Amino acid sequence: MSSLYYLDRSKISLDDVMFNDNVKEALEQFLKEYKYREVIMKYNLPVSNKILLYGKTGCGKTMTAKAIAKHLDKKLIVVNLATIVSSKLGETAKNIESLFKEVQYESSVLFFDEFDSLGQIRDYDNKDNSEMKRVVNAILQLIDNLPEKSILMAATNQIHMIDEALRRRFELQLEYTSPNAEALDSYYDKMLAVYPEEYRAVERIYDISYAEAKTHIFKTVKDNIINSQIALEQ
């Protein structure tokens, strides 16, 4: 099983993730429902435990999964899609089934990154198309039988390539949009606040993702530190 997934032990909190207002509100409601799920279920009301995150790369989808797992004190299982979506389609359904059996026995967060690798619509010949339908049906059945104590999260940059039947299984579908200038300014302020004043001189670049801004900040701060040390040695 270790070849199918890895356990992520990152210590990322919800405060570390930059959310737009819609996503923040939806996740807060999700966490409240999950906390009080036993009471809610007594009244035969459904409790969400499947979330699809979609949108531009570098805007916080993967960090959200890590933060949710930490907040709920659950193991985060990150699926190795390159292994599960094998070249032999006949083995793919078996791989997925064995993975979902793993989460039947303990409360965890199961995270599929690049989910379109599993659910995307492609042009197959008749034989392969039949195999892919079996794979999709296997995923649907396994998602439907996910224990309520576990959480399924999936992320994609190409939601239009995911089978509609798969998408409908996710009670929450949250869009991660590119940050505007105000959001990026808040991010720059938050990231730079941990460094001494003399290292905070960073040119602010806009129209980029949070991940790109983070890379830019780290590179510039490191350059500032190095240049400061060189100046001291002269």
C-alpha atoms as a PDB file:
ATOM      1  CA  MET A   1       0.000   0.000   0.000  1.00  0.00           C
ATOM      2  CA  SER A   2       2.875   2.410   0.612  1.00  0.00           C
ATOM      3  CA  SER A   3       3.421   2.743  -3.140  1.00  0.00           C
ATOM      4  CA  LEU A   4      -0.116   4.069  -3.564  1.00  0.00           C
ATOM      5  CA  TYR A   5       0.063   6.915  -1.082  1.00  0.00           C
ATOM      6  CA  TYR A   6       2.173   8.751   1.433  1.00  0.00           C
ATOM      7  CA  LEU A   7       1.335  10.232   4.811  1.00  0.00           C
ATOM      8  CA  ASP A   8       1.739  13.986   4.959  1.00  0.00           C
ATOM      9  CA  ARG A   9       2.846  15.223   8.364  1.00  0.00           C
ATOM     10  CA  SER A  10       2.943  18.942   7.565  1.00  0.00           C
ATOM     11  CA  LYS A  11       1.962  21.220  10.427  1.00  0.00           C
ATOM     12  CA  ILE A  12      -0.071  23.745   8.464  1.00  0.00           C
ATOM     13  CA  SER A  13      -2.926  25.493  10.249  1.00  0.00           C
ATOM     14  CA  LEU A  14      -5.996  27.130   8.759  1.00  0.00           C
ATOM     15  CA  ASP A  15      -4.478  30.505   9.655  1.00  0.00           C
ATOM     16  CA  ASP A  16      -1.594  29.739   7.297  1.00  0.00           C
ATOM     17  CA  VAL A  17      -3.908  29.520   4.274  1.00  0.00           C
ATOM     18  CA  MET A  18      -5.233  32.543   2.389  1.00  0.00           C
ATOM     19  CA  PHE A  19      -8.910  31.978   1.529  1.00  0.00           C
ATOM     20  CA  ASN A  20     -11.294  34.104  -0.465  1.00  0.00           C
ATOM     21  CA  ASP A  21     -14.489  34.973   1.415  1.00  0.00           C
ATOM     22  CA  ASN A  22     -16.659  32.330  -0.263  1.00  0.00           C
ATOM     23  CA  VAL A  23     -14.236  29.486   0.422  1.00  0.00           C
ATOM     24  CA  LYS A  24     -13.621  30.635   3.990  1.00  0.00           C
ATOM     25  CA  GLU A  25     -17.339  30.747   4.772  1.00  0.00           C
ATOM     26  CA  ALA A  26     -17.980  27.333   3.212  1.00  0.00           C
ATOM     27  CA  LEU A  27     -15.106  25.677   5.084  1.00  0.00           C
ATOM     28  CA  GLU A  28     -16.173  27.193   8.398  1.00  0.00           C
ATOM     29  CA  GLN A  29     -19.653  25.736   7.879  1.00  0.00           C
ATOM     30  CA  PHE A  30     -18.156  22.384   6.872  1.00  0.00           C
ATOM     31  CA  LEU A  31     -16.061  22.198  10.044  1.00  0.00           C
ATOM     32  CA  LYS A  32     -19.051  23.079  12.227  1.00  0.00           C
ATOM     33  CA  GLU A  33     -21.145  20.349  10.626  1.00  0.00           C
ATOM     34  CA  TYR A  34     -18.366  17.826  11.023  1.00  0.00           C
ATOM     35  CA  LYS A  35     -17.872  18.692  14.691  1.00  0.00           C
ATOM     36  CA  TYR A  36     -21.564  18.193  15.456  1.00  0.00           C
ATOM     37  CA  ARG A  37     -22.177  15.440  12.903  1.00  0.00           C
ATOM     38  CA  GLU A  38     -23.453  12.873  15.410  1.00  0.00           C
ATOM     39  CA  VAL A  39     -26.201  15.187  16.630  1.00  0.00           C
ATOM     40  CA  ILE A  40     -27.110  16.234  13.094  1.00  0.00           C
ATOM     41  CA  MET A  41     -27.298  12.635  11.884  1.00  0.00           C
ATOM     42  CA  LYS A  42     -29.772  11.753  14.636  1.00  0.00           C
ATOM     43  CA  TYR A  43     -32.288  13.781  12.648  1.00  0.00           C
ATOM     44  CA  ASN A  44     -31.460  11.954   9.402  1.00  0.00           C
ATOM     45  CA  LEU A  45     -29.733  15.023   8.008  1.00  0.00           C
ATOM     46  CA  PRO A  46     -26.730  14.552   5.700  1.00  0.00           C
ATOM     47  CA  VAL A  47     -23.289  15.651   6.852  1.00  0.00           C
ATOM     48  CA  SER A  48     -20.773  16.700   4.212  1.00  0.00           C
ATOM     49  CA  ASN A  49     -17.494  14.798   4.138  1.00  0.00           C
ATOM     50  CA  LYS A  50     -16.463  15.153   0.491  1.00  0.00           C
ATOM     51  CA  ILE A  51     -14.915  18.350  -0.869  1.00  0.00           C
ATOM     52  CA  LEU A  52     -13.739  19.143  -4.394  1.00  0.00           C
ATOM     53  CA  LEU A  53     -11.273  22.026  -4.652  1.00  0.00           C
ATOM     54  CA  TYR A  54     -10.718  23.510  -8.082  1.00  0.00           C
ATOM     55  CA  GLY A  55      -9.005  26.495  -9.627  1.00  0.00           C
ATOM     56  CA  LYS A  56      -5.650  27.921 -10.583  1.00  0.00           C
ATOM     57  CA  THR A  57      -2.409  26.279  -9.488  1.00  0.00           C
ATOM     58  CA  GLY A  58      -0.732  27.737  -6.417  1.00  0.00           C
ATOM     59  CA  CYS A  59      -3.817  29.272  -4.812  1.00  0.00           C
ATOM     60  CA  GLY A  60      -4.037  27.062  -1.715  1.00  0.00           C
ATOM     61  CA  LYS A  61      -5.862  23.844  -2.614  1.00  0.00           C
ATOM     62  CA  THR A  62      -3.217  21.434  -1.311  1.00  0.00           C
ATOM     63  CA  MET A  63      -2.539  23.597   1.738  1.00  0.00           C
ATOM     64  CA  THR A  64      -6.262  23.496   2.520  1.00  0.00           C
ATOM     65  CA  ALA A  65      -6.229  19.701   2.695  1.00  0.00           C
ATOM     66  CA  LYS A  66      -3.213  19.781   5.007  1.00  0.00           C
ATOM     67  CA  ALA A  67      -4.796  22.422   7.231  1.00  0.00           C
ATOM     68  CA  ILE A  68      -8.130  20.569   7.468  1.00  0.00           C
ATOM     69  CA  ALA A  69      -6.332  17.380   8.515  1.00  0.00           C
ATOM     70  CA  LYS A  70      -4.340  19.222  11.177  1.00  0.00           C
ATOM     71  CA  HIS A  71      -7.388  21.097  12.459  1.00  0.00           C
ATOM     72  CA  LEU A  72      -9.313  17.843  12.885  1.00  0.00           C
ATOM     73  CA  ASP A  73      -6.247  15.971  14.170  1.00  0.00           C
ATOM     74  CA  LYS A  74      -6.528  13.354  11.431  1.00  0.00           C
ATOM     75  CA  LYS A  75      -4.009  11.452   9.380  1.00  0.00           C
ATOM     76  CA  LEU A  76      -3.631  12.949   5.894  1.00  0.00           C
ATOM     77  CA  ILE A  77      -3.280  10.318   3.179  1.00  0.00           C
ATOM     78  CA  VAL A  78      -2.055  11.860  -0.075  1.00  0.00           C
ATOM     79  CA  VAL A  79      -2.775   9.608  -3.017  1.00  0.00           C
ATOM     80  CA  ASN A  80      -0.061   8.833  -5.542  1.00  0.00           C
ATOM     81  CA  LEU A  81      -2.135   9.144  -8.706  1.00  0.00           C
ATOM     82  CA  ALA A  82       0.775   8.187 -10.926  1.00  0.00           C
ATOM     83  CA  THR A  83       0.689   4.744  -9.313  1.00  0.00           C
ATOM     84  CA  ILE A  84      -3.064   4.319  -9.111  1.00  0.00           C
ATOM     85  CA  VAL A  85      -3.738   5.347 -12.695  1.00  0.00           C
ATOM     86  CA  SER A  86      -1.542   2.617 -14.079  1.00  0.00           C
ATOM     87  CA  SER A  87      -0.971   1.902 -17.734  1.00  0.00           C
ATOM     88  CA  LYS A  88      -3.100  -1.214 -17.291  1.00  0.00           C
ATOM     89  CA  LEU A  89      -6.608   0.115 -16.834  1.00  0.00           C
ATOM     90  CA  GLY A  90      -7.802  -3.259 -15.583  1.00  0.00           C
ATOM     91  CA  GLU A  91      -5.630  -2.830 -12.477  1.00  0.00           C
ATOM     92  CA  THR A  92      -6.732   0.717 -11.715  1.00  0.00           C
ATOM     93  CA  ALA A  93     -10.079  -0.195 -10.146  1.00  0.00           C
ATOM     94  CA  LYS A  94      -8.340  -2.761  -7.910  1.00  0.00           C
ATOM     95  CA  ASN A  95      -5.776  -0.168  -6.826  1.00  0.00           C
ATOM     96  CA  ILE A  96      -8.498   2.320  -5.931  1.00  0.00           C
ATOM     97  CA  GLU A  97     -10.505  -0.300  -4.058  1.00  0.00           C
ATOM     98  CA  SER A  98      -7.504  -1.311  -1.940  1.00  0.00           C
ATOM     99  CA  LEU A  99      -6.870   2.337  -1.109  1.00  0.00           C
ATOM    100  CA  PHE A 100     -10.416   2.995   0.047  1.00  0.00           C
ATOM    101  CA  LYS A 101     -10.324  -0.148   2.189  1.00  0.00           C
ATOM    102  CA  GLU A 102      -7.468   1.491   4.058  1.00  0.00           C
ATOM    103  CA  VAL A 103      -9.659   4.402   5.171  1.00  0.00           C
ATOM    104  CA  GLN A 104     -12.472   2.088   6.270  1.00  0.00           C
ATOM    105  CA  TYR A 105     -10.523   1.209   9.399  1.00  0.00           C
ATOM    106  CA  GLU A 106      -9.524   4.601  10.712  1.00  0.00           C
ATOM    107  CA  SER A 107     -10.614   8.214  10.669  1.00  0.00           C
ATOM    108  CA  SER A 108      -8.505  10.072   8.128  1.00  0.00           C
ATOM    109  CA  VAL A 109      -8.444  12.665   5.377  1.00  0.00           C
ATOM    110  CA  LEU A 110      -7.936  11.110   1.957  1.00  0.00           C
ATOM    111  CA  PHE A 111      -6.568  13.631  -0.531  1.00  0.00           C
ATOM    112  CA  PHE A 112      -6.501  13.165  -4.302  1.00  0.00           C
ATOM    113  CA  ASP A 113      -4.344  15.811  -5.945  1.00  0.00           C
ATOM    114  CA  GLU A 114      -4.716  16.328  -9.708  1.00  0.00           C
ATOM    115  CA  PHE A 115      -8.048  14.540  -9.473  1.00  0.00           C
ATOM    116  CA  ASP A 116      -8.653  14.972 -13.190  1.00  0.00           C
ATOM    117  CA  SER A 117      -6.085  12.188 -13.690  1.00  0.00           C
ATOM    118  CA  LEU A 118      -8.756   9.800 -12.397  1.00  0.00           C
ATOM    119  CA  GLY A 119     -11.888  11.353 -13.763  1.00  0.00           C
ATOM    120  CA  GLN A 120     -10.920  13.054 -16.965  1.00  0.00           C
ATOM    121  CA  ILE A 121     -12.742  12.365 -20.205  1.00  0.00           C
ATOM    122  CA  ARG A 122     -10.497  11.157 -23.003  1.00  0.00           C
ATOM    123  CA  ASP A 123     -10.881   9.542 -26.392  1.00  0.00           C
ATOM    124  CA  TYR A 124     -10.517   5.790 -25.990  1.00  0.00           C
ATOM    125  CA  ASP A 125     -11.132   3.007 -28.417  1.00  0.00           C
ATOM    126  CA  ASN A 126     -14.122   0.805 -27.608  1.00  0.00           C
ATOM    127  CA  LYS A 127     -12.203  -1.624 -25.412  1.00  0.00           C
ATOM    128  CA  ASP A 128     -10.411   1.017 -23.345  1.00  0.00           C
ATOM    129  CA  ASN A 129     -13.576   3.065 -23.029  1.00  0.00           C
ATOM    130  CA  SER A 130     -15.301   0.064 -21.445  1.00  0.00           C
ATOM    131  CA  GLU A 131     -12.410  -0.326 -18.994  1.00  0.00           C
ATOM    132  CA  MET A 132     -12.530   3.359 -18.070  1.00  0.00           C
ATOM    133  CA  LYS A 133     -16.262   3.144 -17.402  1.00  0.00           C
ATOM    134  CA  ARG A 134     -15.586   0.311 -14.960  1.00  0.00           C
ATOM    135  CA  VAL A 135     -12.950   2.433 -13.237  1.00  0.00           C
ATOM    136  CA  VAL A 136     -15.321   5.402 -12.908  1.00  0.00           C
ATOM    137  CA  ASN A 137     -18.088   3.147 -11.574  1.00  0.00           C
ATOM    138  CA  ALA A 138     -15.684   1.674  -9.016  1.00  0.00           C
ATOM    139  CA  ILE A 139     -14.764   5.148  -7.808  1.00  0.00           C
ATOM    140  CA  LEU A 140     -18.434   6.156  -7.551  1.00  0.00           C
ATOM    141  CA  GLN A 141     -19.268   3.126  -5.419  1.00  0.00           C
ATOM    142  CA  LEU A 142     -16.290   3.651  -3.156  1.00  0.00           C
ATOM    143  CA  ILE A 143     -17.021   7.350  -2.691  1.00  0.00           C
ATOM    144  CA  ASP A 144     -20.645   6.555  -1.862  1.00  0.00           C
ATOM    145  CA  ASN A 145     -19.499   4.107   0.836  1.00  0.00           C
ATOM    146  CA  LEU A 146     -16.925   6.400   2.434  1.00  0.00           C
ATOM    147  CA  PRO A 147     -17.316   6.253   6.247  1.00  0.00           C
ATOM    148  CA  GLU A 148     -18.799   9.448   7.655  1.00  0.00           C
ATOM    149  CA  LYS A 149     -15.882   9.750  10.087  1.00  0.00           C
ATOM    150  CA  SER A 150     -13.426  10.056   7.185  1.00  0.00           C
ATOM    151  CA  ILE A 151     -13.104  12.945   4.749  1.00  0.00           C
ATOM    152  CA  LEU A 152     -12.418  12.822   1.032  1.00  0.00           C
ATOM    153  CA  MET A 153     -10.800  15.866  -0.546  1.00  0.00           C
ATOM    154  CA  ALA A 154      -9.818  16.212  -4.182  1.00  0.00           C
ATOM    155  CA  ALA A 155      -8.085  19.007  -6.069  1.00  0.00           C
ATOM    156  CA  THR A 156      -7.912  19.839  -9.741  1.00  0.00           C
ATOM    157  CA  ASN A 157      -6.858  22.643 -12.042  1.00  0.00           C
ATOM    158  CA  GLN A 158      -9.107  21.301 -14.811  1.00  0.00           C
ATOM    159  CA  ILE A 159     -12.557  20.704 -13.396  1.00  0.00           C
ATOM    160  CA  HIS A 160     -14.072  20.608 -16.890  1.00  0.00           C
ATOM    161  CA  MET A 161     -12.190  17.357 -17.531  1.00  0.00           C
ATOM    162  CA  ILE A 162     -13.779  15.518 -14.602  1.00  0.00           C
ATOM    163  CA  ASP A 163     -16.687  13.191 -15.230  1.00  0.00           C
ATOM    164  CA  GLU A 164     -19.964  14.851 -14.189  1.00  0.00           C
ATOM    165  CA  ALA A 165     -21.052  11.797 -12.188  1.00  0.00           C
ATOM    166  CA  LEU A 166     -17.859  12.081 -10.148  1.00  0.00           C
ATOM    167  CA  ARG A 167     -18.354  15.779  -9.519  1.00  0.00           C
ATOM    168  CA  ARG A 168     -21.877  15.282  -8.192  1.00  0.00           C
ATOM    169  CA  ARG A 169     -20.534  13.057  -5.395  1.00  0.00           C
ATOM    170  CA  PHE A 170     -18.836  16.027  -3.738  1.00  0.00           C
ATOM    171  CA  GLU A 171     -21.215  17.963  -1.500  1.00  0.00           C
ATOM    172  CA  LEU A 172     -18.850  20.926  -1.505  1.00  0.00           C
ATOM    173  CA  GLN A 173     -17.216  22.251  -4.664  1.00  0.00           C
ATOM    174  CA  LEU A 174     -15.028  25.232  -3.865  1.00  0.00           C
ATOM    175  CA  GLU A 175     -13.371  27.468  -6.432  1.00  0.00           C
ATOM    176  CA  TYR A 176      -9.916  28.883  -5.704  1.00  0.00           C
ATOM    177  CA  THR A 177      -9.425  32.067  -7.695  1.00  0.00           C
ATOM    178  CA  SER A 178      -6.293  34.091  -8.365  1.00  0.00           C
ATOM    179  CA  PRO A 179      -5.623  36.572  -5.548  1.00  0.00           C
ATOM    180  CA  ASN A 180      -6.250  40.239  -6.248  1.00  0.00           C
ATOM    181  CA  ALA A 181      -3.796  42.996  -5.314  1.00  0.00           C
ATOM    182  CA  GLU A 182      -5.336  43.512  -1.878  1.00  0.00           C
ATOM    183  CA  ALA A 183      -5.109  39.811  -1.034  1.00  0.00           C
ATOM    184  CA  LEU A 184      -1.512  39.649  -2.235  1.00  0.00           C
ATOM    185  CA  ASP A 185      -0.593  42.693  -0.149  1.00  0.00           C
ATOM    186  CA  SER A 186      -1.990  40.931   2.920  1.00  0.00           C
ATOM    187  CA  TYR A 187       0.009  37.849   1.999  1.00  0.00           C
ATOM    188  CA  TYR A 188       3.229  39.829   1.534  1.00  0.00           C
ATOM    189  CA  ASP A 189       2.690  41.550   4.897  1.00  0.00           C
ATOM    190  CA  LYS A 190       2.054  38.247   6.657  1.00  0.00           C
ATOM    191  CA  MET A 191       5.026  36.458   5.111  1.00  0.00           C
ATOM    192  CA  LEU A 192       7.508  39.298   5.628  1.00  0.00           C
ATOM    193  CA  ALA A 193       6.493  40.022   9.226  1.00  0.00           C
ATOM    194  CA  VAL A 194       8.602  37.120  10.539  1.00  0.00           C
ATOM    195  CA  TYR A 195      11.876  38.579   9.215  1.00  0.00           C
ATOM    196  CA  PRO A 196      13.978  41.428  10.637  1.00  0.00           C
ATOM    197  CA  GLU A 197      13.196  44.819   9.151  1.00  0.00           C
ATOM    198  CA  GLU A 198      16.472  45.011   7.223  1.00  0.00           C
ATOM    199  CA  TYR A 199      15.583  41.904   5.196  1.00  0.00           C
ATOM    200  CA  ARG A 200      12.032  42.898   4.245  1.00  0.00           C
ATOM    201  CA  ALA A 201      12.876  44.950   1.163  1.00  0.00           C
ATOM    202  CA  VAL A 202      10.938  42.924  -1.398  1.00  0.00           C
ATOM    203  CA  GLU A 203       9.524  44.291  -4.623  1.00  0.00           C
ATOM    204  CA  ARG A 204       5.858  43.333  -4.653  1.00  0.00           C
ATOM    205  CA  ILE A 205       4.778  41.528  -7.793  1.00  0.00           C
ATOM    206  CA  TYR A 206       1.084  41.174  -8.590  1.00  0.00           C
ATOM    207  CA  ASP A 207      -1.040  39.078 -10.960  1.00  0.00           C
ATOM    208  CA  ILE A 208       0.593  35.928  -9.592  1.00  0.00           C
ATOM    209  CA  SER A 209      -0.500  33.046  -7.354  1.00  0.00           C
ATOM    210  CA  TYR A 210       0.272  32.716  -3.650  1.00  0.00           C
ATOM    211  CA  ALA A 211       2.781  29.981  -4.434  1.00  0.00           C
ATOM    212  CA  GLU A 212       4.581  32.226  -6.914  1.00  0.00           C
ATOM    213  CA  ALA A 213       4.577  35.094  -4.407  1.00  0.00           C
ATOM    214  CA  LYS A 214       6.004  32.785  -1.737  1.00  0.00           C
ATOM    215  CA  THR A 215       8.833  31.692  -4.036  1.00  0.00           C
ATOM    216  CA  HIS A 216       9.571  35.329  -4.883  1.00  0.00           C
ATOM    217  CA  ILE A 217       9.622  36.332  -1.201  1.00  0.00           C
ATOM    218  CA  PHE A 218      11.928  33.497  -0.169  1.00  0.00           C
ATOM    219  CA  LYS A 219      14.383  34.209  -2.985  1.00  0.00           C
ATOM    220  CA  THR A 220      14.507  37.947  -2.298  1.00  0.00           C
ATOM    221  CA  VAL A 221      14.838  37.595   1.478  1.00  0.00           C
ATOM    222  CA  LYS A 222      17.659  35.082   1.052  1.00  0.00           C
ATOM    223  CA  ASP A 223      19.397  37.475  -1.335  1.00  0.00           C
ATOM    224  CA  ASN A 224      18.995  40.265   1.215  1.00  0.00           C
ATOM    225  CA  ILE A 225      20.530  38.116   3.954  1.00  0.00           C
ATOM    226  CA  ILE A 226      23.446  37.048   1.757  1.00  0.00           C
ATOM    227  CA  ASN A 227      24.151  40.600   0.590  1.00  0.00           C
ATOM    228  CA  SER A 228      24.078  41.784   4.194  1.00  0.00           C
ATOM    229  CA  GLN A 229      26.621  39.152   5.202  1.00  0.00           C
ATOM    230  CA  ILE A 230      28.882  40.014   2.270  1.00  0.00           C
ATOM    231  CA  ALA A 231      28.777  43.677   3.276  1.00  0.00           C
ATOM    232  CA  LEU A 232      29.822  42.778   6.831  1.00  0.00           C
ATOM    233  CA  GLU A 233      32.813  40.814   5.541  1.00  0.00           C
ATOM    234  CA  GLN A 234      34.177  43.703   3.507  1.00  0.00           C
END
